[in-house]
Amino acid sequence: MRFLPGKFKYALPPIFLFLVSCQKKKDFREVFHNPLLYERTVHALNYAVIYDIFSPPVASRIFAYSCIAGYETLTRGNPDLPRLDGKVPGLTQIPDPPSGASVDFQFASLIALSTVGQALIFTEDKMNHYMDSVRTLARQSTMSPAMYQASIDYGKAVGDSVLSWSKKDIYAQTRGIQHTISHEDGHWVPTPPGYFAAVEPAWESIRTIALDSPNQFPVPGPMAFSKKPGSPFYNMAKQVMDTGIALDKERKWIANFWDCNSFALHVEGHLMFATKAMTPCGHWMEVTGTICQLKHADFGHTAETYAGTSIGMFDGFIACWWAKYHWDLIRPETYINEYINPEWKPYLQTPPFPEYYSAHSTISAAASTILGRLYGNNTAFRDSSERDWGWPDRHFNSMDDAAYEVSMSRFYGGIHYLNSVMVGMDVGKKLGNLVKDKLFTPSR
């Protein structure tokens, strides 16, 4: 099988390259208190996640723990930022900086974020190459050697503390667990072209952060299964098929823009190749950076925003995965091919896990709700995060508009029933509000 790696960027933005090239040392505060540097660090982590081809749930874990480490570091230097330790299960051992240590908390937060990120990805050199540039910025600024070392030491201490906490979420114990296919009518089976095994069947067991339990927001079960033509389930599946057949250019663009398939398998005759893309969480990490820049968020509130959205998405995957494997519902592609039209294919490649309910809808609604609570739901923005994959920017008038479009993209793509995307969006909104109210500051 041939693999197409796509485009990957780790360079610092031009403003920081300029600062490095200047002979006169720049004030470290001018360099490291610029929130754009935090955004670029998350961006570098995102592209490392793409390179390593992590599944969407695992990617959410990487982003959440990394962003928590970066944020918690800043809370020790900014009393206006509420600490997460004590509010989050098991997060009780975040160290304070040593007495008398001269720490730049912004620089230290980048060290903490990258310490966790590098430990959780495979190709550590991707992040390390980027962080070498960051450390060079510090050495070539007015930051004293003592502050430089104290900041690195403290950032690493916080990162190590978060990593120790992360190891207690039973992630390691879920490795290798396989899903048993029931072969009963109405239940999930692997789908073409790869017929991959079900992804992360034990993810519901992972420790949550804001949620008390994966099923904290109960939803009704999926529609009763039926093969009978004209039955509600049959009509629900036929609606997916009819919509897919009639897709216009705009709806295809929407489906592609939000596809976020981290490993899409393509078969052309005897040739088989795969392409990489951002995960759903990675896409929303990019949107988060866009909103922070648009609203001129300072360094601390930028880190707070990344922490909030990543926690919402992490918990969203756990909640959704509980439902997926609890109901184990058949995908539209399988139902349509067996009972309506054996030749029909969805516009997007069907992901390898049960259908009900939509994870992309859930995590997108969670992220957009948190962003809306922080910066106003009616924030209009342009999403340019898919340019590296050739898709034109899309404009949204509000956070709700973006979340709704994401949900509909899964229906247009033929991989979800309409009811499933609506249920996911409802759960995601509730989760986003929970994260904001339980963990973070009042709305600004």
Protein backbone atom coordinates (compact mmCIF):
# COMPACT_ATOMS: atom_id res chain seq x y z
CA MET A 1 0.00 0.00 0.00
CA ARG A 2 1.33 3.43 -0.94
CA PHE A 3 1.11 6.27 1.55
CA LEU A 4 0.69 9.94 0.71
CA PRO A 5 1.91 12.11 3.59
CA GLY A 6 0.48 15.46 2.47
CA LYS A 7 1.79 18.80 3.76
CA PHE A 8 3.19 19.39 7.22
CA LYS A 9 4.33 22.68 8.73
CA TYR A 10 6.32 23.21 11.90
CA ALA A 11 7.96 26.58 11.21
CA LEU A 12 7.50 29.54 13.48
CA PRO A 13 5.55 32.44 11.95
CA PRO A 14 7.58 35.18 10.23
CA ILE A 15 7.38 37.63 13.17
CA PHE A 16 9.27 35.21 15.40
CA LEU A 17 11.81 34.28 12.74
CA PHE A 18 12.49 37.99 12.40
CA LEU A 19 13.03 38.31 16.13
CA VAL A 20 15.54 35.47 16.10
CA SER A 21 17.46 37.04 13.21
CA CYS A 22 17.84 40.44 14.90
CA GLN A 23 21.26 41.09 16.34
CA LYS A 24 19.88 43.20 19.19
CA LYS A 25 18.22 41.06 21.81
CA LYS A 26 14.48 41.51 22.11
CA ASP A 27 12.67 41.87 25.42
CA PHE A 28 11.56 38.34 26.30
CA ARG A 29 8.12 39.66 27.20
CA GLU A 30 7.66 40.96 23.67
CA VAL A 31 8.41 37.49 22.36
CA PHE A 32 6.90 35.10 24.90
CA HIS A 33 3.86 37.03 26.04
CA ASN A 34 2.49 37.11 22.50
CA PRO A 35 -0.42 34.60 22.38
CA LEU A 36 0.40 33.76 18.79
CA LEU A 37 3.31 31.71 20.08
CA TYR A 38 0.96 29.55 22.16
CA GLU A 39 -1.30 29.06 19.15
CA ARG A 40 1.63 28.02 16.97
CA THR A 41 2.71 25.50 19.59
CA VAL A 42 -0.72 23.84 19.55
CA HIS A 43 -0.61 23.99 15.76
CA ALA A 44 2.73 22.17 15.75
CA LEU A 45 1.28 19.48 18.02
CA ASN A 46 -1.74 19.17 15.73
CA TYR A 47 0.46 18.47 12.72
CA ALA A 48 2.46 15.92 14.69
CA VAL A 49 -0.83 14.18 15.52
CA ILE A 50 -1.69 14.18 11.80
CA TYR A 51 1.68 12.70 10.92
CA ASP A 52 1.30 9.89 13.45
CA ILE A 53 -2.26 9.04 12.27
CA PHE A 54 -3.94 8.88 15.67
CA SER A 55 -7.61 7.95 15.79
CA PRO A 56 -10.00 10.79 16.73
CA PRO A 57 -10.55 9.64 20.35
CA VAL A 58 -6.83 9.20 20.98
CA ALA A 59 -6.11 12.58 19.39
CA SER A 60 -8.60 14.17 21.78
CA ARG A 61 -6.66 12.72 24.69
CA ILE A 62 -3.38 14.15 23.42
CA PHE A 63 -4.84 17.62 23.01
CA ALA A 64 -6.66 17.64 26.34
CA TYR A 65 -3.72 16.60 28.52
CA SER A 66 -1.27 18.83 26.65
CA CYS A 67 -3.52 21.89 26.85
CA ILE A 68 -4.28 21.25 30.52
CA ALA A 69 -0.53 21.21 31.25
CA GLY A 70 0.01 24.48 29.41
CA TYR A 71 -2.96 26.12 31.09
CA GLU A 72 -2.26 24.93 34.63
CA THR A 73 1.26 26.32 34.37
CA LEU A 74 -0.17 29.76 33.66
CA THR A 75 -2.64 29.62 36.54
CA ARG A 76 0.32 29.71 38.96
CA GLY A 77 1.32 33.09 37.61
CA ASN A 78 -2.13 34.57 36.99
CA PRO A 79 -4.68 34.50 39.84
CA ASP A 80 -7.46 35.51 37.42
CA LEU A 81 -7.25 32.09 35.77
CA PRO A 82 -9.11 29.44 37.79
CA ARG A 83 -7.09 26.35 38.59
CA LEU A 84 -8.35 23.00 37.40
CA ASP A 85 -6.68 20.93 40.08
CA GLY A 86 -9.23 20.16 42.76
CA LYS A 87 -12.09 20.41 40.26
CA VAL A 88 -10.95 17.58 38.02
CA PRO A 89 -10.81 13.97 39.29
CA GLY A 90 -7.32 13.04 40.41
CA LEU A 91 -5.69 16.30 39.34
CA THR A 92 -4.30 17.29 42.72
CA GLN A 93 -0.52 17.30 42.42
CA ILE A 94 0.29 20.23 40.11
CA PRO A 95 3.44 21.72 41.66
CA ASP A 96 3.93 25.38 42.46
CA PRO A 97 7.19 26.97 41.34
CA PRO A 98 10.02 26.78 43.88
CA SER A 99 10.16 29.69 46.29
CA GLY A 100 12.33 32.46 44.92
CA ALA A 101 12.52 30.97 41.42
CA SER A 102 12.35 33.52 38.61
CA VAL A 103 9.90 31.87 36.20
CA ASP A 104 8.44 33.27 33.00
CA PHE A 105 5.09 31.47 33.12
CA GLN A 106 4.36 31.96 29.43
CA PHE A 107 7.60 30.30 28.36
CA ALA A 108 7.11 27.62 31.02
CA SER A 109 3.60 26.90 29.72
CA LEU A 110 5.00 26.09 26.27
CA ILE A 111 7.48 23.72 27.88
CA ALA A 112 4.70 22.02 29.87
CA LEU A 113 2.43 21.69 26.84
CA SER A 114 5.20 20.24 24.68
CA THR A 115 6.46 17.94 27.45
CA VAL A 116 3.07 16.23 27.53
CA GLY A 117 2.54 16.37 23.78
CA GLN A 118 5.91 14.82 22.99
CA ALA A 119 5.31 12.02 25.49
CA LEU A 120 1.95 11.10 23.97
CA ILE A 121 2.84 11.13 20.26
CA PHE A 122 5.08 8.68 18.39
CA THR A 123 7.44 10.88 16.39
CA GLU A 124 8.75 13.12 19.14
CA ASP A 125 11.24 14.75 16.78
CA LYS A 126 8.38 16.60 15.06
CA MET A 127 7.56 18.58 18.19
CA ASN A 128 11.17 18.73 19.34
CA HIS A 129 12.21 20.40 16.09
CA TYR A 130 9.63 23.09 16.70
CA MET A 131 10.51 23.48 20.38
CA ASP A 132 14.19 23.90 19.46
CA SER A 133 13.08 27.08 17.69
CA VAL A 134 11.18 28.19 20.78
CA ARG A 135 14.13 27.58 23.06
CA THR A 136 16.33 29.50 20.63
CA LEU A 137 13.95 32.43 20.89
CA ALA A 138 14.38 32.39 24.66
CA ARG A 139 18.17 32.21 24.54
CA GLN A 140 18.35 35.04 22.01
CA SER A 141 16.02 37.29 24.01
CA THR A 142 16.72 39.29 27.15
CA MET A 143 15.64 36.36 29.30
CA SER A 144 18.37 35.72 31.85
CA PRO A 145 20.03 32.28 31.99
CA ALA A 146 18.54 31.79 35.47
CA MET A 147 15.00 32.57 34.28
CA TYR A 148 15.49 30.42 31.19
CA GLN A 149 16.46 27.38 33.24
CA ALA A 150 13.89 27.97 35.99
CA SER A 151 11.13 28.28 33.40
CA ILE A 152 12.17 25.08 31.62
CA ASP A 153 12.45 23.23 34.92
CA TYR A 154 9.05 24.40 36.10
CA GLY A 155 7.32 23.73 32.79
CA LYS A 156 8.73 20.23 32.74
CA ALA A 157 7.67 19.64 36.35
CA VAL A 158 4.07 20.58 35.54
CA GLY A 159 4.18 18.49 32.37
CA ASP A 160 5.49 15.48 34.26
CA SER A 161 2.76 15.92 36.88
CA VAL A 162 0.04 15.94 34.22
CA LEU A 163 1.61 12.91 32.56
CA SER A 164 1.56 11.05 35.87
CA TRP A 165 -2.13 11.93 36.24
CA SER A 166 -2.84 10.88 32.65
CA LYS A 167 -1.51 7.38 33.28
CA LYS A 168 -4.35 6.74 35.74
CA ASP A 169 -7.14 7.13 33.15
CA ILE A 170 -6.80 3.38 32.25
CA TYR A 171 -5.89 4.19 28.65
CA ALA A 172 -3.08 1.63 28.75
CA GLN A 173 -5.44 -1.08 29.95
CA THR A 174 -7.75 -0.55 26.97
CA ARG A 175 -5.03 -1.23 24.40
CA GLY A 176 -5.68 -4.36 22.39
CA ILE A 177 -9.33 -4.80 23.40
CA GLN A 178 -11.37 -5.97 20.41
CA HIS A 179 -15.03 -5.52 19.57
CA THR A 180 -17.05 -8.70 19.04
CA ILE A 181 -19.28 -8.51 15.97
CA SER A 182 -22.73 -9.79 16.86
CA HIS A 183 -23.91 -10.53 13.28
CA GLU A 184 -27.45 -9.76 14.42
CA ASP A 185 -29.78 -7.69 12.24
CA GLY A 186 -29.38 -3.99 12.79
CA HIS A 187 -25.94 -4.20 14.37
CA TRP A 188 -22.65 -2.80 13.13
CA VAL A 189 -20.33 -4.67 10.80
CA PRO A 190 -17.09 -3.47 9.17
CA THR A 191 -17.54 -1.36 6.04
CA PRO A 192 -15.65 -0.92 2.76
CA PRO A 193 -13.13 -0.26 1.43
CA GLY A 194 -10.85 -1.32 4.29
CA TYR A 195 -13.28 -3.34 6.43
CA PHE A 196 -11.27 -2.18 9.43
CA ALA A 197 -11.91 -3.48 12.94
CA ALA A 198 -13.95 -1.28 15.26
CA VAL A 199 -11.95 1.64 16.68
CA GLU A 200 -11.48 1.96 20.46
CA PRO A 201 -14.33 -0.30 21.66
CA ALA A 202 -13.37 0.33 25.33
CA TRP A 203 -13.07 4.11 25.10
CA GLU A 204 -16.15 4.58 27.27
CA SER A 205 -14.00 3.30 30.16
CA ILE A 206 -11.52 6.17 29.94
CA ARG A 207 -11.70 8.55 32.90
CA THR A 208 -13.71 11.69 32.15
CA ILE A 209 -12.64 15.22 33.07
CA ALA A 210 -15.78 17.38 33.41
CA LEU A 211 -18.40 14.66 33.10
CA ASP A 212 -19.34 12.63 36.16
CA SER A 213 -20.06 9.64 33.92
CA PRO A 214 -20.15 8.90 30.17
CA ASN A 215 -23.97 8.78 30.24
CA GLN A 216 -24.46 11.97 32.26
CA PHE A 217 -26.68 13.32 29.47
CA PRO A 218 -28.91 10.33 28.62
CA VAL A 219 -30.38 10.14 25.15
CA PRO A 220 -33.16 7.93 23.78
CA GLY A 221 -32.01 4.83 21.98
CA PRO A 222 -31.96 4.75 18.18
CA MET A 223 -35.07 4.08 16.16
CA ALA A 224 -36.31 0.48 16.26
CA PHE A 225 -34.62 -1.51 13.51
CA SER A 226 -36.72 -2.82 10.62
CA LYS A 227 -35.99 -4.20 7.16
CA LYS A 228 -39.53 -3.54 5.97
CA PRO A 229 -39.88 -1.05 3.10
CA GLY A 230 -41.81 1.98 4.28
CA SER A 231 -40.96 1.43 7.96
CA PRO A 232 -39.53 4.42 9.87
CA PHE A 233 -36.03 2.88 9.94
CA TYR A 234 -36.16 2.08 6.22
CA ASN A 235 -37.28 5.61 5.43
CA MET A 236 -34.54 7.05 7.64
CA ALA A 237 -31.91 5.11 5.69
CA LYS A 238 -33.51 5.95 2.34
CA GLN A 239 -33.33 9.63 3.28
CA VAL A 240 -29.55 9.24 3.59
CA MET A 241 -29.37 7.54 0.19
CA ASP A 242 -31.60 10.07 -1.58
CA THR A 243 -29.68 12.98 -0.09
CA GLY A 244 -26.39 11.47 -1.19
CA ILE A 245 -27.58 10.92 -4.74
CA ALA A 246 -28.75 14.53 -5.02
CA LEU A 247 -25.70 16.24 -3.52
CA ASP A 248 -24.89 19.57 -5.15
CA LYS A 249 -21.49 21.28 -5.27
CA GLU A 250 -22.07 23.20 -2.03
CA ARG A 251 -23.02 20.14 0.00
CA LYS A 252 -20.06 18.18 -1.37
CA TRP A 253 -17.81 21.05 -0.30
CA ILE A 254 -19.33 21.00 3.19
CA ALA A 255 -18.89 17.23 3.47
CA ASN A 256 -15.27 17.39 2.34
CA PHE A 257 -14.42 20.40 4.47
CA TRP A 258 -15.48 18.64 7.68
CA ASP A 259 -14.52 15.08 6.71
CA CYS A 260 -11.46 15.05 9.00
CA ASN A 261 -10.63 11.44 8.19
CA SER A 262 -7.17 10.95 9.67
CA PHE A 263 -6.55 7.87 7.52
CA ALA A 264 -8.64 7.66 4.35
CA LEU A 265 -8.06 4.53 2.27
CA HIS A 266 -8.35 4.85 -1.51
CA VAL A 267 -8.65 1.99 -3.98
CA GLU A 268 -8.08 2.62 -7.70
CA GLY A 269 -7.95 -0.64 -9.62
CA HIS A 270 -5.05 -2.61 -8.17
CA LEU A 271 -3.60 0.46 -6.51
CA MET A 272 -4.33 1.13 -2.85
CA PHE A 273 -3.12 4.25 -1.08
CA ALA A 274 -3.98 6.30 1.98
CA THR A 275 -4.10 10.01 2.74
CA LYS A 276 -3.79 11.84 6.04
CA ALA A 277 -5.94 14.69 7.32
CA MET A 278 -6.70 16.50 10.55
CA THR A 279 -8.81 14.70 13.11
CA PRO A 280 -12.08 16.39 14.12
CA CYS A 281 -10.35 17.66 17.28
CA GLY A 282 -7.43 18.95 15.27
CA HIS A 283 -9.79 20.92 13.06
CA TRP A 284 -11.39 22.54 16.10
CA MET A 285 -7.98 23.29 17.61
CA GLU A 286 -7.31 25.34 14.49
CA VAL A 287 -10.69 27.06 14.79
CA THR A 288 -9.90 27.83 18.43
CA GLY A 289 -6.73 29.61 17.37
CA THR A 290 -8.67 31.57 14.76
CA ILE A 291 -11.21 32.76 17.34
CA CYS A 292 -8.52 33.70 19.86
CA GLN A 293 -6.75 35.83 17.25
CA LEU A 294 -10.00 37.38 16.06
CA LYS A 295 -10.95 38.37 19.61
CA HIS A 296 -7.42 39.48 20.55
CA ALA A 297 -7.33 37.08 23.50
CA ASP A 298 -4.28 37.52 25.69
CA PHE A 299 -1.87 34.68 26.44
CA GLY A 300 -3.70 33.40 29.51
CA HIS A 301 -7.16 33.44 27.98
CA THR A 302 -5.82 31.83 24.81
CA ALA A 303 -4.52 28.93 26.90
CA GLU A 304 -7.82 28.83 28.80
CA THR A 305 -9.73 28.58 25.52
CA TYR A 306 -7.61 25.71 24.23
CA ALA A 307 -7.98 23.89 27.55
CA GLY A 308 -11.74 24.33 27.56
CA THR A 309 -12.36 23.21 23.99
CA SER A 310 -10.00 20.25 24.26
CA ILE A 311 -11.61 19.06 27.51
CA GLY A 312 -15.07 19.34 25.95
CA MET A 313 -14.01 17.26 22.97
CA PHE A 314 -12.21 14.67 25.09
CA ASP A 315 -15.29 14.11 27.25
CA GLY A 316 -17.47 14.26 24.15
CA PHE A 317 -15.72 11.27 22.63
CA ILE A 318 -16.10 9.27 25.84
CA ALA A 319 -19.83 10.04 26.07
CA CYS A 320 -20.42 9.30 22.42
CA TRP A 321 -18.38 6.10 22.47
CA TRP A 322 -20.49 4.84 25.35
CA ALA A 323 -23.56 5.22 23.17
CA LYS A 324 -21.95 3.80 20.05
CA TYR A 325 -20.96 0.51 21.60
CA HIS A 326 -24.00 0.31 23.85
CA TRP A 327 -26.40 0.34 20.88
CA ASP A 328 -23.99 -0.98 18.24
CA LEU A 329 -26.13 0.42 15.41
CA ILE A 330 -25.73 -0.46 11.74
CA ARG A 331 -24.25 2.18 9.46
CA PRO A 332 -26.36 3.64 6.59
CA GLU A 333 -23.99 2.20 3.99
CA THR A 334 -24.52 -1.34 5.27
CA TYR A 335 -28.29 -1.01 5.57
CA ILE A 336 -28.75 0.62 2.16
CA ASN A 337 -26.56 -1.94 0.40
CA GLU A 338 -28.38 -4.85 1.99
CA TYR A 339 -32.00 -3.69 1.89
CA ILE A 340 -32.38 -0.84 -0.62
CA ASN A 341 -29.65 -0.46 -3.25
CA PRO A 342 -26.55 -2.71 -3.37
CA GLU A 343 -24.75 -0.28 -5.72
CA TRP A 344 -25.04 2.85 -3.58
CA LYS A 345 -21.93 4.34 -1.97
CA PRO A 346 -21.70 7.17 0.52
CA TYR A 347 -19.92 10.34 -0.57
CA LEU A 348 -17.52 10.07 2.38
CA GLN A 349 -15.74 6.95 3.60
CA THR A 350 -17.65 5.35 6.48
CA PRO A 351 -15.63 5.41 9.73
CA PRO A 352 -14.91 2.03 11.39
CA PHE A 353 -17.20 2.07 14.43
CA PRO A 354 -20.95 1.89 15.18
CA GLU A 355 -23.26 4.67 14.04
CA TYR A 356 -25.37 6.04 16.89
CA TYR A 357 -24.79 8.86 17.64
CA SER A 358 -22.50 11.18 15.67
CA ALA A 359 -19.19 11.88 17.42
CA HIS A 360 -18.25 14.70 15.07
CA SER A 361 -21.55 16.42 15.85
CA THR A 362 -20.99 15.94 19.57
CA ILE A 363 -17.46 17.27 19.84
CA SER A 364 -18.13 20.12 17.41
CA ALA A 365 -21.15 21.30 19.39
CA ALA A 366 -19.14 21.04 22.61
CA ALA A 367 -16.25 23.07 21.21
CA SER A 368 -18.47 25.67 19.53
CA THR A 369 -20.57 26.09 22.70
CA ILE A 370 -17.47 26.72 24.82
CA LEU A 371 -16.14 29.21 22.25
CA GLY A 372 -19.55 30.88 22.12
CA ARG A 373 -19.72 31.16 25.90
CA LEU A 374 -16.23 32.70 26.04
CA TYR A 375 -16.44 35.08 23.11
CA GLY A 376 -20.10 35.34 22.11
CA ASN A 377 -22.13 32.90 20.05
CA ASN A 378 -22.66 35.47 17.29
CA THR A 379 -18.95 35.72 16.58
CA ALA A 380 -18.52 35.59 12.80
CA PHE A 381 -15.34 33.94 11.56
CA ARG A 382 -13.61 32.48 8.54
CA ASP A 383 -12.25 28.94 8.85
CA SER A 384 -9.09 28.56 6.76
CA SER A 385 -7.80 25.39 8.40
CA GLU A 386 -8.41 23.13 5.38
CA ARG A 387 -6.23 25.05 2.94
CA ASP A 388 -3.44 22.47 3.14
CA TRP A 389 -5.90 19.90 1.81
CA GLY A 390 -7.11 22.09 -1.02
CA TRP A 391 -10.50 23.13 0.36
CA PRO A 392 -11.49 26.81 0.18
CA ASP A 393 -12.22 28.72 3.38
CA ARG A 394 -15.71 28.70 4.80
CA HIS A 395 -17.39 31.63 6.56
CA PHE A 396 -19.75 31.34 9.54
CA ASN A 397 -21.97 33.95 11.11
CA SER A 398 -22.01 32.27 14.52
CA MET A 399 -20.63 29.36 16.49
CA ASP A 400 -24.01 27.64 16.28
CA ASP A 401 -23.90 27.93 12.48
CA ALA A 402 -20.55 26.16 12.41
CA ALA A 403 -21.73 23.35 14.71
CA TYR A 404 -24.88 22.84 12.64
CA GLU A 405 -22.90 22.68 9.40
CA VAL A 406 -20.55 20.09 10.88
CA SER A 407 -23.52 17.92 11.87
CA MET A 408 -25.14 18.19 8.45
CA SER A 409 -21.82 17.36 6.77
CA ARG A 410 -22.01 13.84 8.23
CA PHE A 411 -25.53 13.42 6.87
CA TYR A 412 -24.56 14.80 3.45
CA GLY A 413 -21.56 12.48 3.42
CA GLY A 414 -23.82 9.46 3.86
CA ILE A 415 -22.20 8.17 7.03
CA HIS A 416 -24.90 9.14 9.58
CA TYR A 417 -28.67 9.17 9.82
CA LEU A 418 -30.14 12.63 10.30
CA ASN A 419 -31.43 11.83 13.79
CA SER A 420 -27.96 10.78 14.93
CA VAL A 421 -26.35 14.09 14.05
CA MET A 422 -29.10 16.01 15.83
CA VAL A 423 -28.77 13.90 18.98
CA GLY A 424 -25.00 14.37 18.94
CA MET A 425 -25.35 18.12 18.56
CA ASP A 426 -27.73 18.28 21.53
CA VAL A 427 -25.39 16.29 23.79
CA GLY A 428 -22.44 18.40 22.68
CA LYS A 429 -24.16 21.67 23.62
CA LYS A 430 -24.99 20.35 27.08
CA LEU A 431 -21.43 19.17 27.52
CA GLY A 432 -19.97 22.48 26.39
CA ASN A 433 -22.07 24.36 28.92
CA LEU A 434 -21.03 21.92 31.65
CA VAL A 435 -17.33 22.40 30.93
CA LYS A 436 -17.65 26.17 30.95
CA ASP A 437 -19.76 26.35 34.12
CA LYS A 438 -17.90 23.71 36.09
CA LEU A 439 -14.28 24.45 35.24
CA PHE A 440 -13.76 27.94 33.92
CA THR A 441 -14.34 31.62 34.58
CA PRO A 442 -17.68 33.45 34.12
CA SER A 443 -18.50 34.47 30.55
CA ARG A 444 -16.53 37.46 29.33
